[in-house]
Amino acid sequence: VSARRGARSVGGGWGELGGARTLGARPMSSSPGWLPAAGAGVAEPCGRVWVASTSNRHGGYSNTFPKGKNEHAQALCLRANALKEVFEEAGLQVALTDFLCDSVRSTTVTRYYLARRLGGNPADMCWETQAVHLVPAGQLAAFVSHPNDQSILTALQNVKL
């Protein structure tokens, strides 16, 4: 399951990229009033992880992992939405390799996947992102400090990067 550059437009092919693989995930729990969302922890073979700095500390986050809700009524599957969000917020084309965790956030329950970069350029990030960083795994907890990101940090510590 991977993102490609030509799929950037609204609905422009993202659904086809999601595929049918479950990547070992259990059904995502839902709660009334909480919207489903998806994102990814994108790890390099050297163990560094891509992190986005939000513009204007959106949502109270300084640095976080790319994620987001389906927008524009796209009704994408979670995998396709994760691919789209990583491309939009970090400029990266990725392949989803495994399930990381589900995280209850301020307005969503977000499914996170582990991903590896296939290509892309952080300079292609969207306006929601101020900067994209490649952070050594051992420094992630100091760099990504929002309480909503703790379950993702724990999940990343439990996988071999």
Protein backbone atom coordinates (compact mmCIF):
# COMPACT_ATOMS: atom_id res chain seq x y z
CA VAL A 1 0.00 0.00 0.00
CA SER A 2 1.76 3.15 -1.14
CA ALA A 3 1.19 6.75 -2.16
CA ARG A 4 2.10 8.11 -5.55
CA ARG A 5 2.53 11.70 -6.67
CA GLY A 6 -0.34 11.72 -9.19
CA ALA A 7 -2.92 11.00 -6.48
CA ARG A 8 -2.70 14.42 -4.84
CA SER A 9 -6.01 15.95 -5.94
CA VAL A 10 -9.20 15.57 -3.91
CA GLY A 11 -10.35 11.98 -4.41
CA GLY A 12 -7.67 11.70 -7.12
CA GLY A 13 -6.85 8.04 -6.76
CA TRP A 14 -6.32 7.84 -3.01
CA GLY A 15 -9.08 5.24 -2.60
CA GLU A 16 -7.38 2.83 -4.98
CA LEU A 17 -4.14 3.08 -3.00
CA GLY A 18 -5.70 1.94 0.27
CA GLY A 19 -5.98 -1.67 -0.84
CA ALA A 20 -7.66 -4.44 1.10
CA ARG A 21 -4.84 -5.37 3.49
CA THR A 22 -5.60 -5.02 7.19
CA LEU A 23 -1.93 -4.93 8.27
CA GLY A 24 -2.71 -6.91 11.42
CA ALA A 25 -5.08 -4.33 12.85
CA ARG A 26 -8.14 -5.14 14.87
CA PRO A 27 -11.43 -3.38 14.11
CA MET A 28 -11.17 0.22 15.25
CA SER A 29 -13.41 1.11 18.16
CA SER A 30 -15.67 4.06 17.66
CA SER A 31 -17.39 6.30 20.15
CA PRO A 32 -20.32 8.63 19.51
CA GLY A 33 -19.00 12.07 18.59
CA TRP A 34 -15.47 10.84 17.84
CA LEU A 35 -14.54 10.85 14.15
CA PRO A 36 -12.29 8.21 12.57
CA ALA A 37 -8.92 9.44 11.31
CA ALA A 38 -5.64 7.90 10.17
CA GLY A 39 -1.94 8.67 10.10
CA ALA A 40 1.49 7.08 10.15
CA GLY A 41 4.82 6.94 11.85
CA VAL A 42 7.23 6.99 8.91
CA ALA A 43 10.53 5.36 9.81
CA GLU A 44 13.77 5.29 7.83
CA PRO A 45 15.95 2.13 7.82
CA CYS A 46 18.47 3.98 10.04
CA GLY A 47 15.82 4.33 12.78
CA ARG A 48 15.01 8.02 12.32
CA VAL A 49 11.33 8.99 12.14
CA TRP A 50 9.64 11.78 10.15
CA VAL A 51 7.79 14.36 12.26
CA ALA A 52 5.78 17.40 11.14
CA SER A 53 5.70 20.80 12.87
CA THR A 54 2.20 22.21 12.54
CA SER A 55 1.61 25.74 11.32
CA ASN A 56 0.60 28.08 14.14
CA ARG A 57 0.62 25.17 16.65
CA HIS A 58 -2.66 23.92 15.18
CA GLY A 59 -4.54 21.80 17.72
CA GLY A 60 -1.94 22.63 20.36
CA TYR A 61 0.75 20.55 18.63
CA SER A 62 4.29 21.77 18.06
CA ASN A 63 5.53 18.54 16.50
CA THR A 64 3.44 15.50 15.67
CA PHE A 65 3.03 12.58 13.31
CA PRO A 66 1.11 13.13 10.06
CA LYS A 67 -2.57 12.31 10.49
CA GLY A 68 -6.03 13.57 9.72
CA LYS A 69 -9.72 12.97 9.12
CA ASN A 70 -11.26 12.29 5.73
CA GLU A 71 -11.99 15.65 4.17
CA HIS A 72 -14.31 16.72 1.38
CA ALA A 73 -16.57 13.69 1.99
CA GLN A 74 -14.01 11.42 0.31
CA ALA A 75 -15.03 8.39 2.39
CA LEU A 76 -11.56 6.88 2.05
CA CYS A 77 -10.61 3.73 3.91
CA LEU A 78 -8.24 4.35 6.82
CA ARG A 79 -5.19 3.08 4.90
CA ALA A 80 -5.84 5.40 1.94
CA ASN A 81 -6.47 8.32 4.29
CA ALA A 82 -3.16 7.66 6.08
CA LEU A 83 -1.31 7.72 2.74
CA LYS A 84 -3.03 10.96 1.75
CA GLU A 85 -2.31 12.67 5.08
CA VAL A 86 1.38 11.71 5.09
CA PHE A 87 1.74 13.08 1.57
CA GLU A 88 -0.15 16.30 2.34
CA GLU A 89 1.47 17.03 5.71
CA ALA A 90 4.99 15.73 5.10
CA GLY A 91 5.35 15.60 1.31
CA LEU A 92 6.34 11.93 1.53
CA GLN A 93 5.22 8.98 -0.56
CA VAL A 94 5.08 5.94 1.71
CA ALA A 95 4.20 2.27 1.95
CA LEU A 96 2.25 1.16 5.00
CA THR A 97 4.02 -1.81 6.55
CA ASP A 98 2.21 -2.56 9.80
CA PHE A 99 -0.43 -1.47 12.29
CA LEU A 100 0.95 0.70 15.13
CA CYS A 101 -1.97 1.64 17.38
CA ASP A 102 -5.30 3.38 17.72
CA SER A 103 -5.14 6.68 19.58
CA VAL A 104 -8.01 8.59 21.17
CA ARG A 105 -7.29 12.23 20.42
CA SER A 106 -9.14 15.49 21.04
CA THR A 107 -11.91 14.93 18.44
CA THR A 108 -10.97 11.65 16.76
CA VAL A 109 -9.95 8.06 17.19
CA THR A 110 -6.91 7.84 14.94
CA ARG A 111 -5.51 4.63 13.46
CA TYR A 112 -1.74 4.83 13.09
CA TYR A 113 0.31 2.68 10.76
CA LEU A 114 4.04 2.10 10.57
CA ALA A 115 5.30 3.23 7.17
CA ARG A 116 8.50 3.42 5.15
CA ARG A 117 9.33 6.21 2.74
CA LEU A 118 9.34 5.37 -0.96
CA GLY A 119 9.96 8.89 -2.22
CA GLY A 120 8.61 12.38 -2.12
CA ASN A 121 10.08 15.60 -0.86
CA PRO A 122 9.30 17.37 2.43
CA ALA A 123 9.30 20.63 0.45
CA ASP A 124 5.96 19.43 -0.98
CA MET A 125 4.26 19.66 2.44
CA CYS A 126 0.98 21.56 2.54
CA TRP A 127 0.19 24.85 4.30
CA GLU A 128 -0.84 22.98 7.50
CA THR A 129 2.83 22.14 8.10
CA GLN A 130 5.55 24.61 9.00
CA ALA A 131 8.46 22.14 8.75
CA VAL A 132 9.23 18.43 8.46
CA HIS A 133 11.98 16.85 10.57
CA LEU A 134 13.86 13.56 10.53
CA VAL A 135 14.28 12.74 14.22
CA PRO A 136 16.45 9.97 15.72
CA ALA A 137 14.22 7.42 17.47
CA GLY A 138 15.99 8.04 20.79
CA GLN A 139 15.05 11.74 20.67
CA LEU A 140 11.39 11.35 19.64
CA ALA A 141 9.95 11.66 23.15
CA ALA A 142 11.68 15.02 23.66
CA PHE A 143 10.65 16.29 20.24
CA VAL A 144 7.04 15.00 20.14
CA SER A 145 5.62 15.91 23.52
CA HIS A 146 1.85 16.38 23.15
CA PRO A 147 -0.04 13.98 25.48
CA ASN A 148 -2.13 12.71 22.54
CA ASP A 149 1.04 11.38 20.89
CA GLN A 150 2.19 9.22 23.82
CA SER A 151 0.52 6.03 22.52
CA ILE A 152 2.26 6.45 19.14
CA LEU A 153 5.61 6.99 20.85
CA THR A 154 5.07 3.82 22.91
CA ALA A 155 4.05 1.84 19.82
CA LEU A 156 7.14 3.03 17.92
CA GLN A 157 9.37 1.99 20.84
CA ASN A 158 7.89 -1.51 20.65
CA VAL A 159 8.75 -2.08 16.98
CA LYS A 160 12.17 -2.60 15.47
CA LEU A 161 12.82 0.50 13.37
